Amino acid sequence: MNPNTFLFKPAEDLVNEGKLAEAVDVYRSVIVDVPGHPFAHHNFAILLRKLNQIEEAIEQSQKAYELSPDNPTILLSLGLSLEMGGFFGKAENFYKESLRYNPNYTAALNNLGHILDHTERPLEALPILQKAHQLNPHDNNVRLNLANVYISLGRPTEAEELIKEIKTAAAYNSLGIAKYVQRDWIGAKTQFKKALSVEPDFAGAHENLALTLLHLKEFEAGWIEYDWRWKNTANRLTKPIFNKPIWNGGQLAGKNLLLHCEQGFGDAIQFIRYAGLIEKSGGKIFLACQPELLDLLKDAPGIDEAYIFGSQIPSYDFHAPLLSLPGITECLVTEPKTMKSYLKVSAKRVEPRSLNKNLKIGICWAGRQRHIHDPYRNRRCPVKLFEILAQLPNVSFYNLQYNQPITDELSNITLIETFPAISTFQDTAEAISKVDLVVSIDSAVIHLTGAMGKPGIVLLNYAADWRWGNGFGTAPWYPSIQMFRQVVPGNWKTVFDQVSTFIKHTYLP
């Protein structure tokens, strides 16, 4: 007999009527009246998850597990409560335990595959979700999670085929991402808008739409949509809490403005330019940043004083995140060609082991790994391909990779040199000032090179970030940077061949 039939029917009736708070009271009574009943705690946990009361949901799921530790349904539910609480490792273990008792439990396979993909292990997720799909080919949740894995693995067309008939906001959003990674910006825009027509407050779709609009140079609408990034829990951004209002772009005469960095180092280096553009508004401009950026950005144009996050900051009247400045200031043209350089660095401290008369090339081969296995978006190139550039005559190479030693792969590049003690971006900037050319993947290093006005070459993947425009020729934000982009997803060899030819004809006699 289903234990829910008599014990939980009053509570379930209330849930069906939308009277969730009243259902909570009924479940509390059931737990008291029928102590030791695992499904009382289990069903209560389900209700608590609907109410987003995750801490208590975990507690109730744990009690159900203690009373029935070998029930796959209860094990699955505990895993789900833990996942919603952000305890991904523990959740994964309980999904696996559920499958130990029922290897063909589709829901457990689906949840395990999802969490593996969410924790950037799509290769592990793939066979698990494929099995779930084989067991239940009509389960839309399984199809969607499998499609997301295909996207993570650089197989967007397979993802599209799998979910093109699903009419949910999540499916439209995933279809938009599949279009996006194939550089079909119009198609991506259409799908993200479909997602928002179904679920207007879908923060992830808003942010994805923002990035697509920026690709399409619809800047005003793009920057408005980009404010949704703070509500998108998937990107793991935490919006700082301030007791002063956000700046609206008005005059600052007699006022103090606090700018604060967000996201990656490259973002901060790129968008600090706006401090110089808003300096004319008057007032003082303070900056809060990561320790690695302090020495570099404290003397940036427009910045009066800079502080590390968490330190004591003088009184201010307004604040603004750096990546909100284009929209706030209405500087909607993202190609300020007049800003050839805006970060000045004097070369004082960092010296390589040798600075010979060869063409000195600084190299960087890895950025932040958000898409490790995706050939469309992976911001890392094979180090070994730098050997193509090493075949050029009269060149020497210098390692600019932040906080990363020369690897065994790099040992085959004869002429490689390194700068000691590169631990901050001030150190990196000083090293850049001593080379003739920087060749880098999309990373903070290439942003810094462009901000300094130093010659550079950026190696871009197929679906490169919107800020690189079409990904060919001169970079829109940095006149000193030349862009070389994959024509075929994952094909870095052709990119390096093109770069080699460019260096030969541009920099070598």
Protein backbone atom coordinates (compact mmCIF):
# COMPACT_ATOMS: atom_id res chain seq x y z
CA MET A 1 0.00 0.00 0.00
CA ASN A 2 1.27 3.47 -0.87
CA PRO A 3 2.05 5.15 2.45
CA ASN A 4 0.87 8.46 1.06
CA THR A 5 -2.71 7.30 0.57
CA PHE A 6 -4.04 8.04 4.03
CA LEU A 7 -1.32 9.85 5.91
CA PHE A 8 -0.52 12.51 3.37
CA LYS A 9 -3.72 12.98 1.40
CA PRO A 10 -4.83 16.09 3.34
CA ALA A 11 -1.42 17.68 2.82
CA GLU A 12 -1.31 16.70 -0.85
CA ASP A 13 -4.79 18.14 -1.38
CA LEU A 14 -3.59 21.45 0.07
CA VAL A 15 -0.53 21.39 -2.17
CA ASN A 16 -2.72 20.81 -5.22
CA GLU A 17 -4.87 23.77 -4.17
CA GLY A 18 -1.80 25.96 -3.86
CA LYS A 19 -2.12 26.25 -0.09
CA LEU A 20 1.51 25.38 0.60
CA ALA A 21 1.83 27.08 4.00
CA GLU A 22 -1.16 25.12 5.29
CA ALA A 23 0.32 21.92 3.89
CA VAL A 24 3.48 22.59 5.91
CA ASP A 25 1.42 22.65 9.10
CA VAL A 26 -0.24 19.34 8.18
CA TYR A 27 3.11 17.66 7.54
CA ARG A 28 4.43 18.88 10.87
CA SER A 29 1.41 17.27 12.53
CA VAL A 30 1.91 14.01 10.63
CA ILE A 31 5.55 13.84 11.74
CA VAL A 32 4.43 14.22 15.35
CA ASP A 33 1.48 11.80 15.05
CA VAL A 34 3.38 9.13 13.13
CA PRO A 35 6.97 9.22 14.43
CA GLY A 36 9.53 7.17 12.60
CA HIS A 37 7.75 7.20 9.24
CA PRO A 38 10.39 7.83 6.52
CA PHE A 39 7.90 8.99 3.89
CA ALA A 40 6.48 11.62 6.21
CA HIS A 41 9.89 13.28 6.23
CA HIS A 42 10.45 12.51 2.55
CA ASN A 43 7.22 14.12 1.35
CA PHE A 44 7.73 17.05 3.69
CA ALA A 45 11.16 17.62 2.16
CA ILE A 46 9.62 17.73 -1.32
CA LEU A 47 7.21 20.46 -0.18
CA LEU A 48 10.00 22.42 1.49
CA ARG A 49 12.01 22.36 -1.75
CA LYS A 50 9.00 23.85 -3.55
CA LEU A 51 9.01 26.63 -0.96
CA ASN A 52 12.78 27.06 -1.40
CA GLN A 53 13.31 26.30 2.28
CA ILE A 54 16.37 24.28 1.45
CA GLU A 55 18.04 24.07 4.85
CA GLU A 56 15.00 22.41 6.43
CA ALA A 57 14.48 20.30 3.29
CA ILE A 58 17.96 18.85 3.79
CA GLU A 59 17.14 18.18 7.43
CA GLN A 60 13.91 16.34 6.57
CA SER A 61 15.56 14.39 3.74
CA GLN A 62 18.32 13.35 6.13
CA LYS A 63 15.76 12.08 8.66
CA ALA A 64 14.02 10.07 5.94
CA TYR A 65 17.37 8.57 4.93
CA GLU A 66 18.21 7.62 8.51
CA LEU A 67 14.91 5.75 8.76
CA SER A 68 15.22 4.08 5.34
CA PRO A 69 18.85 4.14 4.15
CA ASP A 70 18.39 1.63 1.33
CA ASN A 71 15.41 3.20 -0.44
CA PRO A 72 16.51 4.59 -3.85
CA THR A 73 13.71 7.18 -3.92
CA ILE A 74 14.70 8.59 -0.54
CA LEU A 75 18.38 8.52 -1.51
CA LEU A 76 17.55 10.45 -4.67
CA SER A 77 15.52 13.00 -2.72
CA LEU A 78 18.33 13.59 -0.23
CA GLY A 79 20.70 14.14 -3.13
CA LEU A 80 18.33 16.67 -4.68
CA SER A 81 17.96 18.60 -1.42
CA LEU A 82 21.74 18.69 -1.04
CA GLU A 83 22.21 19.80 -4.65
CA MET A 84 19.75 22.67 -4.19
CA GLY A 85 21.75 23.64 -1.11
CA GLY A 86 24.97 23.78 -3.14
CA PHE A 87 26.48 20.60 -1.67
CA PHE A 88 27.28 19.10 -5.05
CA GLY A 89 29.81 16.51 -3.92
CA LYS A 90 27.48 15.05 -1.29
CA ALA A 91 24.56 15.14 -3.72
CA GLU A 92 26.58 13.23 -6.30
CA ASN A 93 27.36 10.51 -3.74
CA PHE A 94 23.69 9.99 -2.87
CA TYR A 95 22.69 9.82 -6.54
CA LYS A 96 25.30 7.10 -7.00
CA GLU A 97 24.05 5.31 -3.89
CA SER A 98 20.50 5.40 -5.25
CA LEU A 99 21.74 3.80 -8.47
CA ARG A 100 23.51 1.10 -6.49
CA TYR A 101 20.07 -0.13 -5.36
CA ASN A 102 18.39 0.56 -8.72
CA PRO A 103 20.85 0.83 -11.64
CA ASN A 104 18.07 1.69 -14.10
CA TYR A 105 16.51 4.46 -12.02
CA THR A 106 16.05 7.12 -14.72
CA ALA A 107 15.60 10.03 -12.33
CA ALA A 108 18.84 9.20 -10.49
CA LEU A 109 20.74 8.78 -13.76
CA ASN A 110 19.37 12.12 -14.94
CA ASN A 111 20.28 13.97 -11.74
CA LEU A 112 23.75 12.41 -11.62
CA GLY A 113 24.42 13.36 -15.24
CA HIS A 114 23.21 16.89 -14.61
CA ILE A 115 25.45 17.44 -11.59
CA LEU A 116 28.48 15.99 -13.40
CA ASP A 117 27.93 18.44 -16.27
CA HIS A 118 27.29 21.28 -13.80
CA THR A 119 30.64 20.55 -12.12
CA GLU A 120 32.40 20.63 -15.52
CA ARG A 121 32.66 16.87 -16.11
CA PRO A 122 30.61 16.44 -19.28
CA LEU A 123 32.64 13.45 -20.46
CA GLU A 124 31.57 11.56 -17.32
CA ALA A 125 28.00 12.77 -17.69
CA LEU A 126 27.60 11.68 -21.30
CA PRO A 127 27.24 7.85 -20.95
CA ILE A 128 25.05 8.26 -17.87
CA LEU A 129 22.58 10.55 -19.61
CA GLN A 130 22.69 8.47 -22.78
CA LYS A 131 21.63 5.47 -20.69
CA ALA A 132 18.82 7.50 -19.10
CA HIS A 133 17.68 8.55 -22.57
CA GLN A 134 17.68 4.95 -23.80
CA LEU A 135 15.59 3.90 -20.79
CA ASN A 136 13.11 6.76 -21.21
CA PRO A 137 13.48 8.45 -24.61
CA HIS A 138 10.43 10.66 -24.06
CA ASP A 139 11.57 12.22 -20.78
CA ASN A 140 12.09 15.89 -21.63
CA ASN A 141 14.26 16.55 -18.58
CA VAL A 142 16.64 13.81 -19.64
CA ARG A 143 16.69 15.05 -23.23
CA LEU A 144 17.44 18.58 -22.07
CA ASN A 145 20.27 17.55 -19.77
CA LEU A 146 21.76 15.35 -22.48
CA ALA A 147 21.49 18.24 -24.94
CA ASN A 148 23.36 20.49 -22.51
CA VAL A 149 26.13 17.90 -22.29
CA TYR A 150 26.34 17.79 -26.09
CA ILE A 151 26.73 21.58 -26.06
CA SER A 152 29.44 21.34 -23.38
CA LEU A 153 31.28 18.84 -25.58
CA GLY A 154 31.08 21.00 -28.70
CA ARG A 155 28.29 19.00 -30.38
CA PRO A 156 25.58 21.66 -30.74
CA THR A 157 23.79 20.18 -33.77
CA GLU A 158 23.10 16.97 -31.84
CA ALA A 159 21.75 19.06 -29.00
CA GLU A 160 19.41 20.93 -31.34
CA GLU A 161 18.03 17.73 -32.81
CA LEU A 162 17.34 16.32 -29.36
CA ILE A 163 15.32 19.24 -27.95
CA LYS A 164 13.96 21.18 -30.92
CA GLU A 165 10.41 20.01 -30.22
CA ILE A 166 10.42 20.84 -26.49
CA LYS A 167 8.46 24.03 -25.79
CA THR A 168 9.88 25.05 -22.41
CA ALA A 169 11.92 28.07 -21.39
CA ALA A 170 14.89 25.89 -20.47
CA ALA A 171 14.82 24.15 -23.86
CA TYR A 172 14.61 27.44 -25.76
CA ASN A 173 17.54 28.73 -23.71
CA SER A 174 19.64 25.66 -24.53
CA LEU A 175 18.70 25.96 -28.21
CA GLY A 176 19.87 29.57 -28.02
CA ILE A 177 23.22 28.48 -26.62
CA ALA A 178 23.54 25.88 -29.39
CA LYS A 179 22.95 28.63 -31.96
CA TYR A 180 25.31 30.98 -30.12
CA VAL A 181 28.30 28.61 -30.16
CA GLN A 182 27.79 28.19 -33.91
CA ARG A 183 27.93 32.01 -34.31
CA ASP A 184 24.31 32.16 -35.38
CA TRP A 185 23.60 35.32 -33.39
CA ILE A 186 20.20 35.99 -34.99
CA GLY A 187 19.07 32.42 -34.29
CA ALA A 188 20.36 32.66 -30.72
CA LYS A 189 18.52 35.95 -30.15
CA THR A 190 15.28 34.37 -31.39
CA GLN A 191 15.55 31.39 -29.04
CA PHE A 192 16.46 33.45 -25.96
CA LYS A 193 13.47 35.70 -26.60
CA LYS A 194 11.26 32.60 -26.89
CA ALA A 195 12.59 31.47 -23.50
CA LEU A 196 11.69 34.83 -21.99
CA SER A 197 8.22 34.78 -23.54
CA VAL A 198 7.59 31.59 -21.56
CA GLU A 199 9.43 32.63 -18.40
CA PRO A 200 9.96 36.43 -18.24
CA ASP A 201 12.18 36.31 -15.15
CA PHE A 202 14.55 33.62 -16.47
CA ALA A 203 17.82 35.32 -15.46
CA GLY A 204 20.07 32.96 -17.43
CA ALA A 205 18.17 33.62 -20.65
CA HIS A 206 18.35 37.37 -20.01
CA GLU A 207 22.12 37.22 -19.58
CA ASN A 208 22.54 35.02 -22.65
CA LEU A 209 20.39 37.44 -24.62
CA ALA A 210 22.60 40.29 -23.39
CA LEU A 211 25.76 38.65 -24.71
CA THR A 212 24.04 37.93 -28.01
CA LEU A 213 22.86 41.52 -28.39
CA LEU A 214 26.40 42.74 -27.72
CA HIS A 215 27.61 40.43 -30.48
CA LEU A 216 25.04 42.05 -32.76
CA LYS A 217 26.21 45.54 -31.65
CA GLU A 218 22.78 46.27 -30.18
CA PHE A 219 24.59 47.85 -27.28
CA GLU A 220 21.86 49.84 -25.56
CA ALA A 221 19.54 46.83 -25.24
CA GLY A 222 22.50 44.55 -24.49
CA TRP A 223 23.75 46.52 -21.50
CA ILE A 224 20.24 46.73 -20.06
CA GLU A 225 19.86 42.95 -20.30
CA TYR A 226 23.33 42.43 -18.84
CA ASP A 227 22.18 43.67 -15.44
CA TRP A 228 20.43 40.29 -15.08
CA ARG A 229 23.85 38.71 -14.51
CA TRP A 230 23.48 39.36 -10.79
CA LYS A 231 20.29 37.29 -10.67
CA ASN A 232 21.66 34.37 -12.67
CA THR A 233 22.70 31.82 -10.06
CA ALA A 234 24.30 29.62 -12.71
CA ASN A 235 27.19 32.03 -13.28
CA ARG A 236 28.09 32.04 -9.57
CA LEU A 237 28.35 35.81 -9.35
CA THR A 238 27.72 37.35 -5.96
CA LYS A 239 26.56 40.95 -6.06
CA PRO A 240 28.32 42.99 -3.41
CA ILE A 241 26.07 44.67 -0.87
CA PHE A 242 26.45 48.43 -0.52
CA ASN A 243 24.61 50.88 1.68
CA LYS A 244 24.79 53.61 -0.98
CA PRO A 245 22.84 53.91 -4.24
CA ILE A 246 24.20 52.82 -7.60
CA TRP A 247 25.48 55.69 -9.71
CA ASN A 248 23.08 56.76 -12.48
CA GLY A 249 25.62 58.63 -14.60
CA GLY A 250 24.96 62.09 -13.15
CA GLN A 251 27.48 64.74 -12.24
CA LEU A 252 29.86 63.85 -9.42
CA ALA A 253 31.06 67.31 -8.41
CA GLY A 254 31.75 67.23 -4.68
CA LYS A 255 30.84 63.52 -4.50
CA ASN A 256 32.76 60.25 -4.19
CA LEU A 257 32.14 57.28 -6.50
CA LEU A 258 33.24 53.73 -5.64
CA LEU A 259 33.93 51.51 -8.64
CA HIS A 260 34.37 47.81 -7.96
CA CYS A 261 35.82 45.02 -10.06
CA GLU A 262 33.84 41.94 -10.92
CA GLN A 263 34.36 38.62 -12.68
CA GLY A 264 37.81 37.99 -14.18
CA PHE A 265 41.04 39.96 -14.18
CA GLY A 266 40.72 40.64 -17.91
CA ASP A 267 37.28 42.18 -17.37
CA ALA A 268 38.71 44.60 -14.82
CA ILE A 269 41.62 45.55 -17.08
CA GLN A 270 39.31 46.13 -20.04
CA PHE A 271 36.61 48.14 -18.29
CA ILE A 272 38.82 50.27 -16.05
CA ARG A 273 39.11 52.51 -19.13
CA TYR A 274 35.73 53.97 -18.25
CA ALA A 275 37.12 55.53 -15.09
CA GLY A 276 39.11 57.84 -17.31
CA LEU A 277 36.05 58.61 -19.42
CA ILE A 278 33.89 59.59 -16.44
CA GLU A 279 36.60 61.57 -14.65
CA LYS A 280 35.26 64.77 -16.21
CA SER A 281 32.03 64.33 -14.23
CA GLY A 282 33.93 65.65 -11.24
CA GLY A 283 34.32 64.28 -7.75
CA LYS A 284 36.64 61.52 -6.58
CA ILE A 285 36.72 57.98 -7.90
CA PHE A 286 37.71 55.10 -5.62
CA LEU A 287 38.33 51.53 -6.80
CA ALA A 288 37.86 48.21 -4.95
CA CYS A 289 39.73 45.35 -6.60
CA GLN A 290 41.48 42.02 -6.10
CA PRO A 291 44.98 42.08 -4.50
CA GLU A 292 46.58 40.92 -7.76
CA LEU A 293 45.31 44.05 -9.52
CA LEU A 294 45.96 46.71 -6.89
CA ASP A 295 49.42 47.89 -7.96
CA LEU A 296 48.42 47.88 -11.61
CA LEU A 297 45.13 49.77 -11.37
CA LYS A 298 45.81 52.24 -8.58
CA ASP A 299 47.35 54.65 -11.07
CA ALA A 300 44.83 54.06 -13.87
CA PRO A 301 43.39 57.26 -15.41
CA GLY A 302 40.50 58.58 -13.37
CA ILE A 303 41.29 56.54 -10.25
CA ASP A 304 42.10 58.68 -7.21
CA GLU A 305 42.53 55.85 -4.69
CA ALA A 306 42.43 52.06 -4.90
CA TYR A 307 41.76 49.48 -2.21
CA ILE A 308 41.65 45.71 -1.87
CA PHE A 309 38.21 44.16 -1.37
CA GLY A 310 37.46 43.92 2.33
CA SER A 311 39.73 46.77 3.39
CA GLN A 312 38.57 50.05 4.89
CA ILE A 313 37.29 52.31 2.11
CA PRO A 314 36.69 56.06 2.64
CA SER A 315 33.14 57.37 2.65
CA TYR A 316 31.51 57.44 -0.78
CA ASP A 317 28.17 58.61 -2.18
CA PHE A 318 27.58 56.16 -5.07
CA HIS A 319 28.93 52.87 -6.33
CA ALA A 320 29.02 51.03 -9.67
CA PRO A 321 30.32 47.67 -10.94
CA LEU A 322 32.89 48.13 -13.68
CA LEU A 323 30.96 46.16 -16.30
CA SER A 324 27.88 48.32 -15.77
CA LEU A 325 29.70 51.50 -16.73
CA PRO A 326 29.03 51.38 -20.50
CA GLY A 327 25.30 51.39 -19.89
CA ILE A 328 25.41 53.88 -17.02
CA THR A 329 27.56 56.38 -18.87
CA GLU A 330 25.79 55.81 -22.20
CA CYS A 331 29.20 55.10 -23.74
CA LEU A 332 27.46 52.59 -25.93
CA VAL A 333 30.05 52.58 -28.70
CA THR A 334 32.34 49.74 -27.67
CA GLU A 335 35.07 50.70 -30.12
CA PRO A 336 36.81 53.73 -28.54
CA LYS A 337 39.55 53.93 -31.15
CA THR A 338 40.98 57.05 -29.55
CA MET A 339 42.06 55.03 -26.52
CA LYS A 340 45.20 53.47 -27.92
CA SER A 341 46.55 52.90 -24.41
CA TYR A 342 45.39 53.76 -20.94
CA LEU A 343 47.64 51.78 -18.58
CA LYS A 344 51.20 53.06 -18.29
CA VAL A 345 53.82 50.84 -16.72
CA SER A 346 57.48 51.56 -16.12
CA ALA A 347 59.78 48.58 -16.44
CA LYS A 348 61.74 48.47 -13.20
CA ARG A 349 61.63 45.23 -11.33
CA VAL A 350 61.06 42.21 -13.58
CA GLU A 351 64.00 41.02 -15.61
CA PRO A 352 64.17 37.89 -17.75
CA ARG A 353 67.17 35.68 -17.58
CA SER A 354 68.32 37.21 -20.84
CA LEU A 355 67.07 39.83 -23.23
CA ASN A 356 68.83 39.15 -26.50
CA LYS A 357 68.56 40.92 -29.85
CA ASN A 358 66.06 38.47 -31.28
CA LEU A 359 62.38 39.31 -31.69
CA LYS A 360 61.14 38.84 -28.14
CA ILE A 361 57.72 37.19 -28.01
CA GLY A 362 55.78 36.79 -24.75
CA ILE A 363 53.38 33.85 -24.78
CA CYS A 364 50.30 32.84 -22.83
CA TRP A 365 48.37 29.66 -23.67
CA ALA A 366 45.51 29.38 -21.17
CA GLY A 367 42.72 31.58 -19.84
CA ARG A 368 40.03 30.79 -17.30
CA GLN A 369 38.61 27.37 -18.15
CA ARG A 370 34.83 27.79 -18.29
CA HIS A 371 34.42 25.43 -21.26
CA ILE A 372 37.15 22.86 -20.84
CA HIS A 373 35.96 20.32 -23.42
CA ASP A 374 34.11 22.60 -25.82
CA PRO A 375 36.11 23.21 -29.05
CA TYR A 376 33.80 26.12 -29.86
CA ARG A 377 34.56 28.10 -26.69
CA ASN A 378 37.60 26.58 -25.00
CA ARG A 379 40.04 29.32 -23.99
CA ARG A 380 43.14 27.16 -24.08
CA CYS A 381 45.34 26.13 -26.96
CA PRO A 382 47.84 23.25 -27.14
CA VAL A 383 51.16 24.54 -25.87
CA LYS A 384 52.98 22.29 -28.33
CA LEU A 385 51.70 24.39 -31.26
CA PHE A 386 54.00 27.22 -30.21
CA GLU A 387 56.70 25.06 -31.79
CA ILE A 388 55.36 26.35 -35.12
CA LEU A 389 56.38 29.87 -34.09
CA ALA A 390 59.69 28.58 -32.72
CA GLN A 391 60.66 27.61 -36.28
CA LEU A 392 60.81 31.28 -37.20
CA PRO A 393 64.37 32.68 -37.34
CA ASN A 394 65.73 35.06 -34.74
CA VAL A 395 62.93 34.81 -32.17
CA SER A 396 63.02 34.22 -28.43
CA PHE A 397 60.07 33.30 -26.25
CA TYR A 398 59.13 34.45 -22.75
CA ASN A 399 56.58 32.83 -20.48
CA LEU A 400 53.85 35.32 -19.45
CA GLN A 401 51.45 32.72 -18.09
CA TYR A 402 50.28 34.00 -14.72
CA ASN A 403 51.47 31.91 -11.79
CA GLN A 404 52.21 28.87 -13.95
CA PRO A 405 55.66 27.36 -14.54
CA ILE A 406 56.99 26.13 -17.84
CA THR A 407 55.50 22.73 -18.56
CA ASP A 408 57.07 19.66 -20.10
CA GLU A 409 55.22 20.51 -23.31
CA LEU A 410 57.02 23.85 -23.44
CA SER A 411 60.42 22.26 -22.92
CA ASN A 412 60.53 21.37 -26.62
CA ILE A 413 60.54 25.05 -27.54
CA THR A 414 64.22 25.85 -27.63
CA LEU A 415 64.87 29.56 -26.96
CA ILE A 416 62.21 29.77 -24.24
CA GLU A 417 63.04 32.22 -21.47
CA THR A 418 61.09 33.18 -18.39
CA PHE A 419 60.58 36.16 -16.11
CA PRO A 420 61.03 35.46 -12.41
CA ALA A 421 58.58 36.37 -9.67
CA ILE A 422 55.50 37.15 -11.75
CA SER A 423 52.85 37.10 -9.03
CA THR A 424 50.79 40.24 -9.70
CA PHE A 425 49.60 41.96 -12.85
CA GLN A 426 51.99 44.80 -12.20
CA ASP A 427 54.74 42.21 -12.61
CA THR A 428 53.07 40.94 -15.77
CA ALA A 429 52.80 44.47 -17.13
CA GLU A 430 56.47 45.11 -16.51
CA ALA A 431 57.32 41.86 -18.29
CA ILE A 432 55.12 42.82 -21.25
CA SER A 433 56.92 46.15 -21.47
CA LYS A 434 60.18 44.30 -22.11
CA VAL A 435 59.06 42.09 -25.00
CA ASP A 436 58.39 43.13 -28.59
CA LEU A 437 55.21 41.15 -29.16
CA VAL A 438 52.69 39.15 -27.11
CA VAL A 439 50.96 36.07 -28.51
CA SER A 440 48.19 34.93 -26.23
CA ILE A 441 44.92 33.12 -25.94
CA ASP A 442 41.91 35.21 -24.84
CA SER A 443 43.15 36.02 -21.34
CA ALA A 444 43.96 38.82 -18.93
CA VAL A 445 47.44 38.92 -20.45
CA ILE A 446 46.20 39.99 -23.88
CA HIS A 447 43.80 42.53 -22.34
CA LEU A 448 46.72 44.00 -20.44
CA THR A 449 48.84 44.05 -23.59
CA GLY A 450 46.13 46.00 -25.41
CA ALA A 451 45.53 48.36 -22.48
CA MET A 452 49.24 49.21 -22.55
CA GLY A 453 49.18 49.78 -26.30
CA LYS A 454 51.78 47.05 -26.85
CA PRO A 455 51.73 44.94 -30.02
CA GLY A 456 49.89 41.67 -29.52
CA ILE A 457 48.20 38.77 -31.24
CA VAL A 458 45.15 37.14 -29.70
CA LEU A 459 44.34 33.51 -30.52
CA LEU A 460 40.56 33.13 -30.58
CA ASN A 461 38.38 30.04 -30.54
CA TYR A 462 35.50 29.57 -32.95
CA ALA A 463 32.82 31.14 -30.72
CA ALA A 464 34.98 33.83 -29.18
CA ASP A 465 33.58 36.39 -26.75
CA TRP A 466 31.49 39.29 -28.10
CA ARG A 467 34.16 41.85 -27.26
CA TRP A 468 36.38 40.55 -30.07
CA GLY A 469 33.82 41.43 -32.73
CA ASN A 470 34.16 39.28 -35.85
CA GLY A 471 37.47 37.93 -34.57
CA PHE A 472 39.63 38.96 -37.55
CA GLY A 473 41.95 41.91 -38.14
CA THR A 474 42.43 44.70 -35.59
CA ALA A 475 40.69 44.19 -32.24
CA PRO A 476 37.79 46.67 -31.74
CA TRP A 477 38.79 47.56 -28.18
CA TYR A 478 42.56 47.46 -28.67
CA PRO A 479 44.13 49.01 -31.80
CA SER A 480 47.48 47.36 -31.04
CA ILE A 481 46.06 43.81 -31.03
CA GLN A 482 45.62 41.63 -34.12
CA MET A 483 43.00 38.86 -34.01
CA PHE A 484 43.32 35.35 -35.45
CA ARG A 485 40.31 33.09 -35.07
CA GLN A 486 39.49 29.43 -35.61
CA VAL A 487 37.59 28.87 -38.84
CA VAL A 488 36.83 25.28 -37.85
CA PRO A 489 35.93 24.55 -34.19
CA GLY A 490 38.90 23.09 -32.35
CA ASN A 491 41.39 23.66 -35.19
CA TRP A 492 44.27 25.62 -33.64
CA LYS A 493 46.86 24.43 -36.16
CA THR A 494 45.58 26.69 -38.93
CA VAL A 495 45.50 29.64 -36.53
CA PHE A 496 49.16 29.14 -35.61
CA ASP A 497 50.14 28.76 -39.27
CA GLN A 498 48.48 32.10 -40.02
CA VAL A 499 50.14 33.77 -37.02
CA SER A 500 53.53 32.44 -38.11
CA THR A 501 53.09 33.95 -41.56
CA PHE A 502 51.92 37.26 -40.08
CA ILE A 503 54.92 37.53 -37.74
CA LYS A 504 57.31 36.62 -40.54
CA HIS A 505 56.04 39.36 -42.84
CA THR A 506 55.34 42.01 -40.18
CA TYR A 507 58.10 41.74 -37.59
CA LEU A 508 61.04 39.89 -39.13
CA PRO A 509 63.46 41.26 -41.72
